[in-house]
């Protein structure tokens, strides 16, 4: 068995953009800046999966300098990450994602995020959210961050 851990942070976009977190679009919320759809929850999960399989990070496989990945869906990134992890001889047995933000309130969307992420990964991925009590850049509402951990086992 192996453990992987991932972290991702994106600042809020100055331009109108949809907010995607955990493969779920959050309505009436300010979107995040990024080369892809900027879904930091899914990106943290991808990094945890890749790290656990000793495959580096998301940027190694899907560079933000590559125009092919401009505005790419994080669903595609996660599906591709799962394929890389499987090719390395592993599968996820469980995972946990924590989203760090002051706004928007996410409680109503967490079950849908867990469902979507779990369906792509093929294992239970729990999702929760917390605030930062006004501390630091995320606490000041400048963006959203996420942390993820996964347990991988040999296939």
C-alpha atoms as a PDB file:
ATOM      1  CA  UNK A   1       0.000   0.000   0.000  1.00  0.00           C
ATOM      2  CA  UNK A   2       1.063   3.575  -0.634  1.00  0.00           C
ATOM      3  CA  UNK A   3      -0.132   6.968   0.569  1.00  0.00           C
ATOM      4  CA  UNK A   4      -0.246  10.044  -1.659  1.00  0.00           C
ATOM      5  CA  UNK A   5      -0.818  13.647  -0.655  1.00  0.00           C
ATOM      6  CA  UNK A   6      -1.626  16.674  -2.814  1.00  0.00           C
ATOM      7  CA  UNK A   7      -2.251  20.393  -2.396  1.00  0.00           C
ATOM      8  CA  UNK A   8      -3.498  22.973  -4.887  1.00  0.00           C
ATOM      9  CA  UNK A   9      -4.415  26.653  -4.624  1.00  0.00           C
ATOM     10  CA  UNK A  10      -5.954  29.036  -7.163  1.00  0.00           C
ATOM     11  CA  UNK A  11      -6.716  32.721  -6.779  1.00  0.00           C
ATOM     12  CA  UNK A  12     -10.093  34.095  -7.844  1.00  0.00           C
ATOM     13  CA  UNK A  13     -10.330  35.210 -11.457  1.00  0.00           C
ATOM     14  CA  UNK A  14     -10.744  38.853 -12.373  1.00  0.00           C
ATOM     15  CA  UNK A  15     -12.786  37.760 -15.390  1.00  0.00           C
ATOM     16  CA  UNK A  16     -16.146  35.976 -15.386  1.00  0.00           C
ATOM     17  CA  UNK A  17     -15.580  32.212 -15.063  1.00  0.00           C
ATOM     18  CA  UNK A  18     -17.516  29.252 -13.741  1.00  0.00           C
ATOM     19  CA  UNK A  19     -16.410  27.886 -10.369  1.00  0.00           C
ATOM     20  CA  UNK A  20     -15.668  24.158 -10.508  1.00  0.00           C
ATOM     21  CA  UNK A  21     -14.788  22.235  -7.342  1.00  0.00           C
ATOM     22  CA  UNK A  22     -14.680  18.452  -7.057  1.00  0.00           C
ATOM     23  CA  UNK A  23     -16.096  18.109 -10.597  1.00  0.00           C
ATOM     24  CA  UNK A  24     -19.211  20.074  -9.597  1.00  0.00           C
ATOM     25  CA  UNK A  25     -20.093  23.525 -10.915  1.00  0.00           C
ATOM     26  CA  UNK A  26     -20.982  25.878  -8.066  1.00  0.00           C
ATOM     27  CA  UNK A  27     -23.665  28.292  -9.294  1.00  0.00           C
ATOM     28  CA  UNK A  28     -23.542  32.037  -8.682  1.00  0.00           C
ATOM     29  CA  UNK A  29     -19.949  31.905  -7.430  1.00  0.00           C
ATOM     30  CA  UNK A  30     -16.789  33.630  -8.595  1.00  0.00           C
ATOM     31  CA  UNK A  31     -14.542  31.351 -10.640  1.00  0.00           C
ATOM     32  CA  UNK A  32     -10.855  30.669 -10.162  1.00  0.00           C
ATOM     33  CA  UNK A  33      -7.924  31.717 -12.327  1.00  0.00           C
ATOM     34  CA  UNK A  34      -6.045  28.914 -14.056  1.00  0.00           C
ATOM     35  CA  UNK A  35      -4.884  27.382 -17.327  1.00  0.00           C
ATOM     36  CA  UNK A  36      -7.454  24.591 -17.033  1.00  0.00           C
ATOM     37  CA  UNK A  37     -10.876  24.922 -15.390  1.00  0.00           C
ATOM     38  CA  UNK A  38      -8.952  25.625 -12.120  1.00  0.00           C
ATOM     39  CA  UNK A  39     -10.754  22.960 -10.061  1.00  0.00           C
ATOM     40  CA  UNK A  40      -8.298  22.975  -7.155  1.00  0.00           C
ATOM     41  CA  UNK A  41     -10.074  20.152  -5.296  1.00  0.00           C
ATOM     42  CA  UNK A  42      -9.700  17.775  -8.230  1.00  0.00           C
ATOM     43  CA  UNK A  43      -6.147  18.972  -8.907  1.00  0.00           C
ATOM     44  CA  UNK A  44      -5.141  18.219  -5.306  1.00  0.00           C
ATOM     45  CA  UNK A  45      -6.654  14.750  -5.678  1.00  0.00           C
ATOM     46  CA  UNK A  46      -4.748  14.181  -8.945  1.00  0.00           C
ATOM     47  CA  UNK A  47      -1.489  15.196  -7.269  1.00  0.00           C
ATOM     48  CA  UNK A  48      -2.181  12.829  -4.368  1.00  0.00           C
ATOM     49  CA  UNK A  49      -2.830   9.956  -6.786  1.00  0.00           C
ATOM     50  CA  UNK A  50       0.281  10.699  -8.832  1.00  0.00           C
ATOM     51  CA  UNK A  51       2.435  11.147  -5.751  1.00  0.00           C
ATOM     52  CA  UNK A  52       1.313   7.866  -4.233  1.00  0.00           C
ATOM     53  CA  UNK A  53       2.270   6.067  -7.450  1.00  0.00           C
ATOM     54  CA  UNK A  54       5.630   7.925  -7.607  1.00  0.00           C
ATOM     55  CA  UNK A  55       4.607   9.610 -10.868  1.00  0.00           C
ATOM     56  CA  UNK A  56       5.391  13.216  -9.987  1.00  0.00           C
ATOM     57  CA  UNK A  57       2.712  15.879 -10.122  1.00  0.00           C
ATOM     58  CA  UNK A  58      -0.021  17.145 -12.408  1.00  0.00           C
ATOM     59  CA  UNK A  59       2.255  19.712 -14.061  1.00  0.00           C
ATOM     60  CA  UNK A  60       4.652  16.993 -15.189  1.00  0.00           C
ATOM     61  CA  UNK A  61       1.914  15.272 -17.167  1.00  0.00           C
ATOM     62  CA  UNK A  62      -0.360  18.188 -18.125  1.00  0.00           C
ATOM     63  CA  UNK A  63       1.762  21.338 -18.326  1.00  0.00           C
ATOM     64  CA  UNK A  64       0.091  24.711 -17.888  1.00  0.00           C
ATOM     65  CA  UNK A  65       2.393  25.885 -20.690  1.00  0.00           C
ATOM     66  CA  UNK A  66       0.850  23.439 -23.162  1.00  0.00           C
ATOM     67  CA  UNK A  67      -1.982  25.060 -25.156  1.00  0.00           C
ATOM     68  CA  UNK A  68      -3.591  21.623 -25.530  1.00  0.00           C
ATOM     69  CA  UNK A  69      -4.669  21.882 -21.889  1.00  0.00           C
ATOM     70  CA  UNK A  70      -6.064  25.425 -22.052  1.00  0.00           C
ATOM     71  CA  UNK A  71      -9.478  25.362 -20.314  1.00  0.00           C
ATOM     72  CA  UNK A  72      -9.351  21.541 -20.117  1.00  0.00           C
ATOM     73  CA  UNK A  73     -11.881  19.902 -17.830  1.00  0.00           C
ATOM     74  CA  UNK A  74     -10.546  18.528 -14.582  1.00  0.00           C
ATOM     75  CA  UNK A  75     -12.697  15.452 -15.212  1.00  0.00           C
ATOM     76  CA  UNK A  76     -10.392  14.719 -18.155  1.00  0.00           C
ATOM     77  CA  UNK A  77      -7.327  15.348 -15.966  1.00  0.00           C
ATOM     78  CA  UNK A  78      -8.625  12.989 -13.264  1.00  0.00           C
ATOM     79  CA  UNK A  79      -9.570  10.266 -15.772  1.00  0.00           C
ATOM     80  CA  UNK A  80      -6.117  10.536 -17.343  1.00  0.00           C
ATOM     81  CA  UNK A  81      -4.465  10.471 -13.916  1.00  0.00           C
ATOM     82  CA  UNK A  82      -6.360   7.307 -12.982  1.00  0.00           C
ATOM     83  CA  UNK A  83      -5.119   5.681 -16.217  1.00  0.00           C
ATOM     84  CA  UNK A  84      -1.512   6.629 -15.363  1.00  0.00           C
ATOM     85  CA  UNK A  85      -1.882   5.249 -11.839  1.00  0.00           C
ATOM     86  CA  UNK A  86      -3.379   2.004 -13.179  1.00  0.00           C
ATOM     87  CA  UNK A  87      -0.561   1.686 -15.724  1.00  0.00           C
ATOM     88  CA  UNK A  88       1.898   2.004 -12.828  1.00  0.00           C
ATOM     89  CA  UNK A  89       0.213  -0.990 -11.165  1.00  0.00           C
ATOM     90  CA  UNK A  90      -1.939   0.735  -8.545  1.00  0.00           C
ATOM     91  CA  UNK A  91      -5.545   1.527  -7.778  1.00  0.00           C
ATOM     92  CA  UNK A  92      -7.035   3.873  -5.223  1.00  0.00           C
ATOM     93  CA  UNK A  93      -8.772   2.247  -2.277  1.00  0.00           C
ATOM     94  CA  UNK A  94      -9.904   5.501  -0.607  1.00  0.00           C
ATOM     95  CA  UNK A  95      -9.304   9.228  -0.540  1.00  0.00           C
ATOM     96  CA  UNK A  96     -10.136  12.374   1.355  1.00  0.00           C
ATOM     97  CA  UNK A  97     -10.285  15.975   0.078  1.00  0.00           C
ATOM     98  CA  UNK A  98     -10.507  19.136   2.192  1.00  0.00           C
ATOM     99  CA  UNK A  99     -11.430  22.424   0.503  1.00  0.00           C
ATOM    100  CA  UNK A 100     -10.165  25.601   2.198  1.00  0.00           C
ATOM    101  CA  UNK A 101     -12.204  28.741   1.557  1.00  0.00           C
ATOM    102  CA  UNK A 102     -14.181  31.522   3.139  1.00  0.00           C
ATOM    103  CA  UNK A 103     -16.720  31.820   0.326  1.00  0.00           C
ATOM    104  CA  UNK A 104     -18.809  30.343  -1.157  1.00  0.00           C
ATOM    105  CA  UNK A 105     -20.414  28.105   1.422  1.00  0.00           C
ATOM    106  CA  UNK A 106     -20.069  24.564   0.080  1.00  0.00           C
ATOM    107  CA  UNK A 107     -22.037  22.311   2.453  1.00  0.00           C
ATOM    108  CA  UNK A 108     -24.853  21.688  -0.048  1.00  0.00           C
ATOM    109  CA  UNK A 109     -22.406  20.628  -2.788  1.00  0.00           C
ATOM    110  CA  UNK A 110     -20.098  18.311  -0.834  1.00  0.00           C
ATOM    111  CA  UNK A 111     -22.168  15.114  -1.354  1.00  0.00           C
ATOM    112  CA  UNK A 112     -22.250  15.732  -5.126  1.00  0.00           C
ATOM    113  CA  UNK A 113     -18.487  16.318  -5.154  1.00  0.00           C
ATOM    114  CA  UNK A 114     -17.901  13.065  -3.279  1.00  0.00           C
ATOM    115  CA  UNK A 115     -20.170  11.214  -5.695  1.00  0.00           C
ATOM    116  CA  UNK A 116     -18.512  12.633  -8.828  1.00  0.00           C
ATOM    117  CA  UNK A 117     -14.944  12.131  -7.643  1.00  0.00           C
ATOM    118  CA  UNK A 118     -15.698   8.633  -6.335  1.00  0.00           C
ATOM    119  CA  UNK A 119     -17.300   7.592  -9.615  1.00  0.00           C
ATOM    120  CA  UNK A 120     -14.221   8.580 -11.624  1.00  0.00           C
ATOM    121  CA  UNK A 121     -11.659   7.216  -9.159  1.00  0.00           C
ATOM    122  CA  UNK A 122     -13.522   3.957  -8.504  1.00  0.00           C
ATOM    123  CA  UNK A 123     -13.206   4.271  -4.729  1.00  0.00           C
ATOM    124  CA  UNK A 124     -14.806   6.347  -2.000  1.00  0.00           C
ATOM    125  CA  UNK A 125     -13.490   9.908  -1.970  1.00  0.00           C
ATOM    126  CA  UNK A 126     -14.815  11.919   0.952  1.00  0.00           C
ATOM    127  CA  UNK A 127     -15.009  15.694   0.590  1.00  0.00           C
ATOM    128  CA  UNK A 128     -15.273  18.332   3.280  1.00  0.00           C
ATOM    129  CA  UNK A 129     -14.724  22.076   3.549  1.00  0.00           C
ATOM    130  CA  UNK A 130     -13.402  24.430   6.173  1.00  0.00           C
ATOM    131  CA  UNK A 131     -12.707  28.130   6.543  1.00  0.00           C
ATOM    132  CA  UNK A 132      -9.423  29.700   7.557  1.00  0.00           C
ATOM    133  CA  UNK A 133     -10.924  32.077  10.120  1.00  0.00           C
ATOM    134  CA  UNK A 134      -9.757  35.090   8.140  1.00  0.00           C
ATOM    135  CA  UNK A 135      -6.078  34.096   8.317  1.00  0.00           C
ATOM    136  CA  UNK A 136      -3.742  34.451   5.328  1.00  0.00           C
ATOM    137  CA  UNK A 137      -4.561  34.966   1.651  1.00  0.00           C
ATOM    138  CA  UNK A 138      -7.246  32.276   1.571  1.00  0.00           C
ATOM    139  CA  UNK A 139      -8.724  33.578   4.801  1.00  0.00           C
ATOM    140  CA  UNK A 140      -8.928  37.042   3.242  1.00  0.00           C
ATOM    141  CA  UNK A 141     -10.958  35.508   0.411  1.00  0.00           C
ATOM    142  CA  UNK A 142      -8.310  35.866  -2.301  1.00  0.00           C
ATOM    143  CA  UNK A 143      -8.801  32.317  -3.572  1.00  0.00           C
ATOM    144  CA  UNK A 144      -9.532  28.699  -2.737  1.00  0.00           C
ATOM    145  CA  UNK A 145      -7.191  25.883  -1.774  1.00  0.00           C
ATOM    146  CA  UNK A 146      -7.539  22.150  -1.351  1.00  0.00           C
ATOM    147  CA  UNK A 147      -5.647  19.295   0.226  1.00  0.00           C
ATOM    148  CA  UNK A 148      -6.066  15.612  -0.593  1.00  0.00           C
ATOM    149  CA  UNK A 149      -4.766  12.283   0.617  1.00  0.00           C
ATOM    150  CA  UNK A 150      -5.255   8.865  -0.985  1.00  0.00           C
ATOM    151  CA  UNK A 151      -4.477   5.284  -0.155  1.00  0.00           C
ATOM    152  CA  UNK A 152      -3.272   3.237  -3.119  1.00  0.00           C
ATOM    153  CA  UNK A 153      -2.855  -0.506  -3.333  1.00  0.00           C
ATOM    154  CA  UNK A 154      -1.276  -2.737  -5.912  1.00  0.00           C
ATOM    155  CA  UNK A 155      -3.697  -3.950  -8.566  1.00  0.00           C
END
